[in-house]
C-alpha atoms as a PDB file:
ATOM      1  CA  MET A   1       0.000   0.000   0.000  1.00  0.00           C
ATOM      2  CA  TYR A   2       2.778   2.458   0.868  1.00  0.00           C
ATOM      3  CA  GLU A   3       4.429   1.854  -2.483  1.00  0.00           C
ATOM      4  CA  LYS A   4       1.138   2.461  -4.308  1.00  0.00           C
ATOM      5  CA  ILE A   5       0.565   5.747  -2.482  1.00  0.00           C
ATOM      6  CA  TYR A   6       4.135   6.904  -3.066  1.00  0.00           C
ATOM      7  CA  THR A   7       4.045   5.967  -6.757  1.00  0.00           C
ATOM      8  CA  LEU A   8       0.715   7.728  -7.237  1.00  0.00           C
ATOM      9  CA  LEU A   9       1.985  10.943  -5.664  1.00  0.00           C
ATOM     10  CA  LYS A  10       5.233  10.717  -7.608  1.00  0.00           C
ATOM     11  CA  ASN A  11       3.309  10.589 -10.891  1.00  0.00           C
ATOM     12  CA  GLU A  12       0.872  13.407 -10.073  1.00  0.00           C
ATOM     13  CA  LYS A  13       1.635  17.011 -10.989  1.00  0.00           C
ATOM     14  CA  GLU A  14      -0.615  18.475  -8.300  1.00  0.00           C
ATOM     15  CA  PRO A  15      -1.026  17.522  -4.625  1.00  0.00           C
ATOM     16  CA  LEU A  16      -3.925  15.167  -3.846  1.00  0.00           C
ATOM     17  CA  SER A  17      -6.308  14.981  -0.902  1.00  0.00           C
ATOM     18  CA  THR A  18      -6.513  11.841   1.220  1.00  0.00           C
ATOM     19  CA  LYS A  19      -9.915  11.082  -0.303  1.00  0.00           C
ATOM     20  CA  GLU A  20      -8.560  11.394  -3.853  1.00  0.00           C
ATOM     21  CA  ILE A  21      -5.637   9.105  -3.034  1.00  0.00           C
ATOM     22  CA  ALA A  22      -7.916   6.510  -1.463  1.00  0.00           C
ATOM     23  CA  GLU A  23     -10.244   6.532  -4.475  1.00  0.00           C
ATOM     24  CA  LYS A  24      -7.430   6.290  -7.023  1.00  0.00           C
ATOM     25  CA  ILE A  25      -5.793   3.252  -5.425  1.00  0.00           C
ATOM     26  CA  GLY A  26      -8.999   1.611  -4.213  1.00  0.00           C
ATOM     27  CA  ILE A  27      -8.623   1.706  -0.432  1.00  0.00           C
ATOM     28  CA  ARG A  28     -10.576   3.280   2.415  1.00  0.00           C
ATOM     29  CA  SER A  29      -9.726   6.809   3.545  1.00  0.00           C
ATOM     30  CA  GLY A  30      -8.672   5.583   7.006  1.00  0.00           C
ATOM     31  CA  LYS A  31      -6.169   3.162   5.544  1.00  0.00           C
ATOM     32  CA  ALA A  32      -4.886   5.877   3.196  1.00  0.00           C
ATOM     33  CA  THR A  33      -4.413   8.198   6.161  1.00  0.00           C
ATOM     34  CA  LEU A  34      -2.284   5.621   7.984  1.00  0.00           C
ATOM     35  CA  GLY A  35      -0.140   5.108   4.892  1.00  0.00           C
ATOM     36  CA  LEU A  36       0.251   8.832   4.328  1.00  0.00           C
ATOM     37  CA  LEU A  37       1.293   9.465   7.917  1.00  0.00           C
ATOM     38  CA  ARG A  38       3.897   6.703   7.722  1.00  0.00           C
ATOM     39  CA  LEU A  39       5.329   8.106   4.483  1.00  0.00           C
ATOM     40  CA  GLN A  40       5.364  11.561   6.065  1.00  0.00           C
ATOM     41  CA  GLU A  41       7.266  10.204   9.100  1.00  0.00           C
ATOM     42  CA  GLU A  42       9.809   8.679   6.740  1.00  0.00           C
ATOM     43  CA  GLY A  43      10.268  12.103   5.118  1.00  0.00           C
ATOM     44  CA  LYS A  44       9.091  10.937   1.701  1.00  0.00           C
ATOM     45  CA  ILE A  45       5.962  13.083   1.431  1.00  0.00           C
ATOM     46  CA  GLU A  46       4.613  16.285   2.922  1.00  0.00           C
ATOM     47  CA  GLY A  47       1.226  17.773   3.585  1.00  0.00           C
ATOM     48  CA  VAL A  48       0.260  21.148   2.147  1.00  0.00           C
ATOM     49  CA  GLU A  49      -2.852  23.207   2.751  1.00  0.00           C
ATOM     50  CA  ILE A  50      -4.873  24.064  -0.336  1.00  0.00           C
ATOM     51  CA  LYS A  51      -8.115  26.017   0.080  1.00  0.00           C
ATOM     52  CA  GLY A  52      -8.269  25.063   3.739  1.00  0.00           C
ATOM     53  CA  LYS A  53      -7.834  21.317   3.133  1.00  0.00           C
ATOM     54  CA  LEU A  54      -4.831  19.044   3.587  1.00  0.00           C
ATOM     55  CA  HIS A  55      -3.301  17.670   0.394  1.00  0.00           C
ATOM     56  CA  TRP A  56      -0.248  15.477  -0.089  1.00  0.00           C
ATOM     57  CA  ARG A  57       2.752  15.594  -2.407  1.00  0.00           C
ATOM     58  CA  ILE A  58       6.247  14.218  -2.711  1.00  0.00           C
ATOM     59  CA  ARG A  59       8.502  16.063  -0.269  1.00  0.00           C
ATOM     60  CA  LEU A  60      10.373  18.912  -1.851  1.00  0.00           C
ATOM     61  CA  LYS A  61      13.980  19.086  -0.769  1.00  0.00           C
ATOM     62  CA  ASP A  62      15.753  22.353  -0.220  1.00  0.00           C
ATOM     63  CA  GLU A  63      19.402  22.897  -1.140  1.00  0.00           C
ATOM     64  CA  LYS A  64      20.646  22.578   2.452  1.00  0.00           C
ATOM     65  CA  THR A  65      18.965  19.194   2.879  1.00  0.00           C
ATOM     66  CA  GLU A  66      20.350  17.899  -0.410  1.00  0.00           C
ATOM     67  CA  LYS A  67      23.898  19.003   0.461  1.00  0.00           C
ATOM     68  CA  LEU A  68      23.670  17.391   3.892  1.00  0.00           C
ATOM     69  CA  GLU A  69      22.392  14.116   2.419  1.00  0.00           C
ATOM     70  CA  LYS A  70      25.256  14.054  -0.106  1.00  0.00           C
ATOM     71  CA  LYS A  71      27.808  14.590   2.673  1.00  0.00           C
ATOM     72  CA  MET A  72      26.330  11.734   4.687  1.00  0.00           C
ATOM     73  CA  ARG A  73      26.720   9.221   1.834  1.00  0.00           C
END
């Protein structure tokens, strides 16, 4: 399930709501929420507010984060 959510968000140009994600991959909203929170904890996705509602997208990395990750490799 996590892979499906991540792949979906990776292929979308715009952030999606939890409901949209659940519908697109054929799971319940509650299960989608659990998957989204886990992916957020892992730093793979982030939540953004759009018109007062939470939407999800692949986490955007800033330059400082990218440089730090390269140094750690």
